[in-house]
């Protein structure tokens, strides 16, 4: 069974334009997004432009700063400080990867938590990891990383309850793997995190009812690593040898094994964008 995300994404986006207009009327201005993107990572920058265009289509005012390896860290941090203090900016988005000097600048400390729509600031991460239950996650005053939340929403949309499941998350990044593992724990799954130094990935996955893969390695998850009937959420976006978009999982092999699999493209990706857009609108609504 294919766990597609386009239907859910469309449903999530249905009311966003109307909500943006209502917020504009009450704020006296359009909801405003400030974003910083690295021109040295083609894929991430193209995706940022897609996110910005989607926000503009909802009536959001946007401003994008471009950075590269020659951008001084001081300038980068000054922009974030100014955007965080600006009462007319509601949302801040900093896609990764960033040039090394900027990535190591401690920039997440400079993002106002209430404007941090992808939940990467120290405060947002701290708030999330203090949560024990899903009710506490839902009551957070800050935002949760969009890709991690998109996985949970995709599972819910297909009637899959993580409660009591043996789950494995492949990848431990602060933007996807670790927050997703914590969200699944808050949904009462028993979670194992696998990563580069996992000695035997196949052995680690053999009892998993739910596998979420965000490693970014085509072919990493063949059918013989997965038990029959397992749920596989493929979060990665890669290019195969022919230049086609693909994930980590051998989707067709897994389907033939009776697994439920999210496709790439068309699975987690559109839901992530919908979650991001929803957070932009919510960042403005919270000021009303």
Protein backbone atom coordinates (compact mmCIF):
# COMPACT_ATOMS: atom_id res chain seq x y z
CA UNK A 1 0.00 0.00 0.00
CA UNK A 2 1.24 3.46 -0.94
CA UNK A 3 1.05 6.09 1.82
CA UNK A 4 0.76 9.14 -0.43
CA UNK A 5 0.90 12.65 1.00
CA UNK A 6 -0.58 14.85 -1.70
CA UNK A 7 -4.17 14.45 -0.52
CA UNK A 8 -3.26 15.38 3.05
CA UNK A 9 -1.13 18.32 1.90
CA UNK A 10 -4.02 19.68 -0.19
CA UNK A 11 -6.35 19.39 2.80
CA UNK A 12 -3.91 21.18 5.10
CA UNK A 13 -3.49 24.03 2.61
CA UNK A 14 -7.21 24.49 1.90
CA UNK A 15 -7.88 27.26 4.43
CA UNK A 16 -4.45 28.89 4.58
CA UNK A 17 -5.10 31.65 2.04
CA UNK A 18 -8.29 32.64 3.84
CA UNK A 19 -6.51 32.60 7.19
CA UNK A 20 -3.69 34.74 5.77
CA UNK A 21 -6.21 37.32 4.54
CA UNK A 22 -8.00 37.43 7.90
CA UNK A 23 -4.67 37.93 9.63
CA UNK A 24 -3.76 40.70 7.18
CA UNK A 25 -6.96 42.56 7.98
CA UNK A 26 -6.39 42.33 11.73
CA UNK A 27 -2.66 43.07 11.63
CA UNK A 28 -3.02 45.89 9.13
CA UNK A 29 -0.35 44.29 6.95
CA UNK A 30 0.47 40.98 5.32
CA UNK A 31 2.12 38.22 7.34
CA UNK A 32 5.85 38.55 6.71
CA UNK A 33 8.52 35.86 6.16
CA UNK A 34 12.28 36.44 6.33
CA UNK A 35 14.45 33.66 4.89
CA UNK A 36 18.15 33.05 4.37
CA UNK A 37 19.32 30.60 1.73
CA UNK A 38 22.72 29.32 0.61
CA UNK A 39 23.29 29.66 -3.13
CA UNK A 40 26.01 26.99 -2.88
CA UNK A 41 23.55 24.15 -2.30
CA UNK A 42 21.51 24.03 -5.49
CA UNK A 43 18.84 21.61 -4.29
CA UNK A 44 18.18 23.37 -1.00
CA UNK A 45 18.11 26.79 -2.64
CA UNK A 46 15.67 25.67 -5.35
CA UNK A 47 13.43 24.17 -2.66
CA UNK A 48 13.60 27.43 -0.66
CA UNK A 49 12.45 29.35 -3.73
CA UNK A 50 9.55 26.90 -4.03
CA UNK A 51 8.63 27.48 -0.38
CA UNK A 52 8.83 31.26 -0.80
CA UNK A 53 6.67 31.18 -3.93
CA UNK A 54 4.08 29.02 -2.18
CA UNK A 55 3.99 31.49 0.73
CA UNK A 56 3.60 34.44 -1.64
CA UNK A 57 0.69 32.64 -3.32
CA UNK A 58 -1.07 32.72 0.06
CA UNK A 59 -0.55 36.48 0.37
CA UNK A 60 2.55 36.35 2.57
CA UNK A 61 5.15 39.10 2.18
CA UNK A 62 8.62 37.56 1.74
CA UNK A 63 12.24 38.66 1.85
CA UNK A 64 15.18 36.35 1.05
CA UNK A 65 18.84 36.97 1.85
CA UNK A 66 21.39 34.95 -0.12
CA UNK A 67 24.57 33.67 1.53
CA UNK A 68 27.67 31.77 0.44
CA UNK A 69 31.09 30.81 1.80
CA UNK A 70 32.30 34.41 1.60
CA UNK A 71 29.42 35.82 3.69
CA UNK A 72 30.81 37.06 7.03
CA UNK A 73 29.26 35.28 10.00
CA UNK A 74 28.82 38.65 11.71
CA UNK A 75 26.60 39.88 8.87
CA UNK A 76 24.56 36.68 8.98
CA UNK A 77 24.03 36.94 12.74
CA UNK A 78 23.20 40.65 12.47
CA UNK A 79 20.46 39.86 9.94
CA UNK A 80 18.94 37.29 12.27
CA UNK A 81 19.15 39.64 15.24
CA UNK A 82 17.44 42.41 13.29
CA UNK A 83 14.74 40.10 11.88
CA UNK A 84 14.06 38.69 15.34
CA UNK A 85 13.60 42.20 16.76
CA UNK A 86 11.53 43.55 13.85
CA UNK A 87 7.86 43.69 14.88
CA UNK A 88 6.81 43.55 11.22
CA UNK A 89 8.51 40.19 10.59
CA UNK A 90 6.49 37.22 11.81
CA UNK A 91 8.40 34.17 10.56
CA UNK A 92 12.07 33.28 10.05
CA UNK A 93 13.27 30.35 7.91
CA UNK A 94 16.90 29.19 7.61
CA UNK A 95 17.15 26.05 5.43
CA UNK A 96 20.18 23.83 5.84
CA UNK A 97 22.86 23.09 4.77
CA UNK A 98 24.63 26.40 5.26
CA UNK A 99 28.26 27.27 4.47
CA UNK A 100 30.48 25.85 7.20
CA UNK A 101 31.38 29.14 8.89
CA UNK A 102 27.71 30.12 9.13
CA UNK A 103 26.59 26.66 10.23
CA UNK A 104 29.11 26.79 13.09
CA UNK A 105 28.23 30.34 14.15
CA UNK A 106 25.65 29.30 16.74
CA UNK A 107 23.01 31.04 14.66
CA UNK A 108 20.06 29.18 16.17
CA UNK A 109 20.52 31.22 19.38
CA UNK A 110 19.80 34.40 17.40
CA UNK A 111 16.36 33.35 16.11
CA UNK A 112 13.38 34.56 18.14
CA UNK A 113 11.57 31.35 19.23
CA UNK A 114 8.13 32.71 18.34
CA UNK A 115 9.30 33.36 14.75
CA UNK A 116 11.21 30.10 14.33
CA UNK A 117 8.74 28.29 12.06
CA UNK A 118 10.94 25.21 11.56
CA UNK A 119 11.69 24.71 15.25
CA UNK A 120 15.50 24.92 15.06
CA UNK A 121 16.17 27.52 17.77
CA UNK A 122 17.57 26.45 21.12
CA UNK A 123 14.32 27.39 22.85
CA UNK A 124 12.13 25.49 20.39
CA UNK A 125 14.29 22.37 20.60
CA UNK A 126 14.45 22.60 24.37
CA UNK A 127 10.68 22.96 24.64
CA UNK A 128 10.15 19.96 22.37
CA UNK A 129 12.52 17.64 24.19
CA UNK A 130 10.97 18.51 27.55
CA UNK A 131 7.66 17.09 26.31
CA UNK A 132 6.70 13.61 27.43
CA UNK A 133 3.20 13.33 25.96
CA UNK A 134 1.58 14.24 22.67
CA UNK A 135 -0.74 16.62 24.51
CA UNK A 136 2.31 18.54 25.70
CA UNK A 137 3.65 18.70 22.14
CA UNK A 138 0.35 20.10 20.88
CA UNK A 139 0.35 22.76 23.61
CA UNK A 140 3.84 24.07 22.78
CA UNK A 141 4.12 27.86 22.34
CA UNK A 142 6.95 27.25 19.85
CA UNK A 143 7.11 25.26 16.61
CA UNK A 144 8.19 21.68 15.87
CA UNK A 145 10.53 20.86 12.92
CA UNK A 146 8.24 20.59 9.92
CA UNK A 147 9.56 17.36 8.39
CA UNK A 148 9.29 15.49 11.69
CA UNK A 149 5.74 16.76 12.21
CA UNK A 150 4.86 15.89 8.61
CA UNK A 151 5.71 12.23 9.27
CA UNK A 152 3.35 12.12 12.25
CA UNK A 153 0.59 13.80 10.28
CA UNK A 154 1.08 11.38 7.38
CA UNK A 155 0.77 8.41 9.74
CA UNK A 156 -2.38 9.87 11.29
CA UNK A 157 -3.92 10.56 7.89
CA UNK A 158 -3.54 6.88 6.98
CA UNK A 159 -4.90 5.66 10.30
CA UNK A 160 -1.57 4.41 11.63
CA UNK A 161 -1.20 4.79 15.41
CA UNK A 162 2.45 4.55 16.58
CA UNK A 163 1.35 3.48 20.07
CA UNK A 164 3.14 0.29 21.07
CA UNK A 165 5.00 -0.09 17.78
CA UNK A 166 8.69 -0.96 17.56
CA UNK A 167 10.04 1.96 15.54
CA UNK A 168 13.42 2.64 13.95
CA UNK A 169 14.55 6.06 12.75
CA UNK A 170 17.50 6.08 10.35
CA UNK A 171 19.30 9.40 10.74
CA UNK A 172 20.05 11.56 13.77
CA UNK A 173 20.05 15.10 12.40
CA UNK A 174 18.71 17.86 14.65
CA UNK A 175 16.17 18.82 11.99
CA UNK A 176 14.66 15.40 11.22
CA UNK A 177 15.96 12.25 12.91
CA UNK A 178 16.20 13.29 16.54
CA UNK A 179 12.99 15.36 16.71
CA UNK A 180 11.08 12.64 14.84
CA UNK A 181 12.32 9.97 17.25
CA UNK A 182 11.14 12.13 20.14
CA UNK A 183 7.73 12.76 18.57
CA UNK A 184 7.26 9.03 18.07
CA UNK A 185 8.20 8.48 21.71
CA UNK A 186 5.58 11.06 22.70
CA UNK A 187 3.12 9.01 20.63
CA UNK A 188 4.09 5.97 22.75
CA UNK A 189 6.22 4.07 20.23
CA UNK A 190 9.42 2.34 21.35
CA UNK A 191 12.11 4.00 19.27
CA UNK A 192 15.61 3.02 18.12
CA UNK A 193 17.83 5.55 16.32
CA UNK A 194 20.18 4.16 13.64
CA UNK A 195 23.01 6.15 12.08
CA UNK A 196 26.37 5.99 10.34
CA UNK A 197 27.98 4.00 13.15
CA UNK A 198 25.20 1.45 13.53
CA UNK A 199 27.13 -1.82 13.15
CA UNK A 200 24.46 -3.96 11.52
CA UNK A 201 21.57 -1.98 10.08
CA UNK A 202 19.68 -5.05 8.90
CA UNK A 203 19.81 -6.60 12.38
CA UNK A 204 18.69 -3.33 13.93
CA UNK A 205 15.66 -3.18 11.65
CA UNK A 206 14.57 -6.81 11.67
CA UNK A 207 11.91 -6.38 14.40
CA UNK A 208 10.79 -2.87 13.46
CA UNK A 209 7.08 -2.37 12.79
CA UNK A 210 7.76 1.19 11.63
CA UNK A 211 10.89 2.43 9.84
CA UNK A 212 11.48 6.11 9.07
CA UNK A 213 14.52 6.67 6.85
CA UNK A 214 16.18 10.06 6.43
CA UNK A 215 19.73 9.00 5.61
CA UNK A 216 19.90 10.34 2.07
CA UNK A 217 21.40 7.17 0.55
CA UNK A 218 19.69 5.53 -2.43
CA UNK A 219 19.33 1.80 -1.99
CA UNK A 220 19.98 1.93 1.76
CA UNK A 221 16.72 0.16 2.57
CA UNK A 222 16.20 -2.99 0.46
CA UNK A 223 13.28 -5.31 1.10
CA UNK A 224 15.39 -8.00 2.76
CA UNK A 225 16.24 -5.55 5.59
CA UNK A 226 12.54 -5.11 6.43
CA UNK A 227 10.06 -7.57 7.86
CA UNK A 228 6.91 -8.35 5.86
CA UNK A 229 4.07 -5.94 6.48
CA UNK A 230 6.19 -3.22 8.06
CA UNK A 231 5.43 0.49 7.63
CA UNK A 232 8.19 2.40 5.84
CA UNK A 233 8.24 6.20 5.78
CA UNK A 234 10.84 7.35 3.26
CA UNK A 235 11.90 10.91 4.12
CA UNK A 236 15.06 11.17 2.01
CA UNK A 237 15.31 12.92 -1.35
CA UNK A 238 18.10 11.64 -3.59
CA UNK A 239 18.92 11.32 -7.27
CA UNK A 240 19.41 7.84 -8.69
CA UNK A 241 21.94 6.98 -11.41
CA UNK A 242 19.55 8.14 -14.12
CA UNK A 243 18.99 11.47 -12.37
CA UNK A 244 15.50 10.62 -11.13
CA UNK A 245 14.27 11.67 -7.70
CA UNK A 246 14.21 8.78 -5.24
CA UNK A 247 14.35 8.03 -1.53
CA UNK A 248 16.32 5.55 0.56
CA UNK A 249 13.89 2.65 0.18
CA UNK A 250 13.39 0.06 -2.56
CA UNK A 251 9.73 1.00 -2.82
CA UNK A 252 8.50 -1.60 -5.31
CA UNK A 253 10.26 -4.47 -3.52
CA UNK A 254 8.75 -3.39 -0.23
CA UNK A 255 5.26 -3.15 -1.70
CA UNK A 256 5.62 -6.69 -3.04
CA UNK A 257 6.53 -7.75 0.50
CA UNK A 258 3.24 -6.38 1.82
CA UNK A 259 4.70 -3.23 3.35
CA UNK A 260 3.01 0.14 3.53
CA UNK A 261 5.41 2.69 2.02
CA UNK A 262 5.45 6.46 1.54
CA UNK A 263 6.72 7.29 -1.97
CA UNK A 264 9.42 9.73 -3.09
CA UNK A 265 8.26 12.03 -4.51
CA UNK A 266 4.67 12.48 -3.33
CA UNK A 267 4.91 11.26 0.26
CA UNK A 268 6.40 13.26 3.13
CA UNK A 269 7.59 16.13 0.90
CA UNK A 270 4.26 17.82 0.09
CA UNK A 271 3.11 17.41 3.70
CA UNK A 272 6.31 19.08 4.95
CA UNK A 273 5.66 22.09 2.72
CA UNK A 274 2.05 22.28 3.90
CA UNK A 275 3.19 22.16 7.55
CA UNK A 276 5.72 24.93 6.88
CA UNK A 277 3.09 27.14 5.25
CA UNK A 278 0.70 26.49 8.11
CA UNK A 279 3.39 27.55 10.59
CA UNK A 280 4.01 30.79 8.66
CA UNK A 281 0.33 31.65 8.91
CA UNK A 282 0.22 30.64 12.57
CA UNK A 283 3.21 32.86 13.36
CA UNK A 284 1.14 35.84 12.21
CA UNK A 285 -2.10 34.70 13.84
CA UNK A 286 -0.39 34.43 17.23
CA UNK A 287 0.20 38.20 17.14
CA UNK A 288 -3.48 38.99 16.82
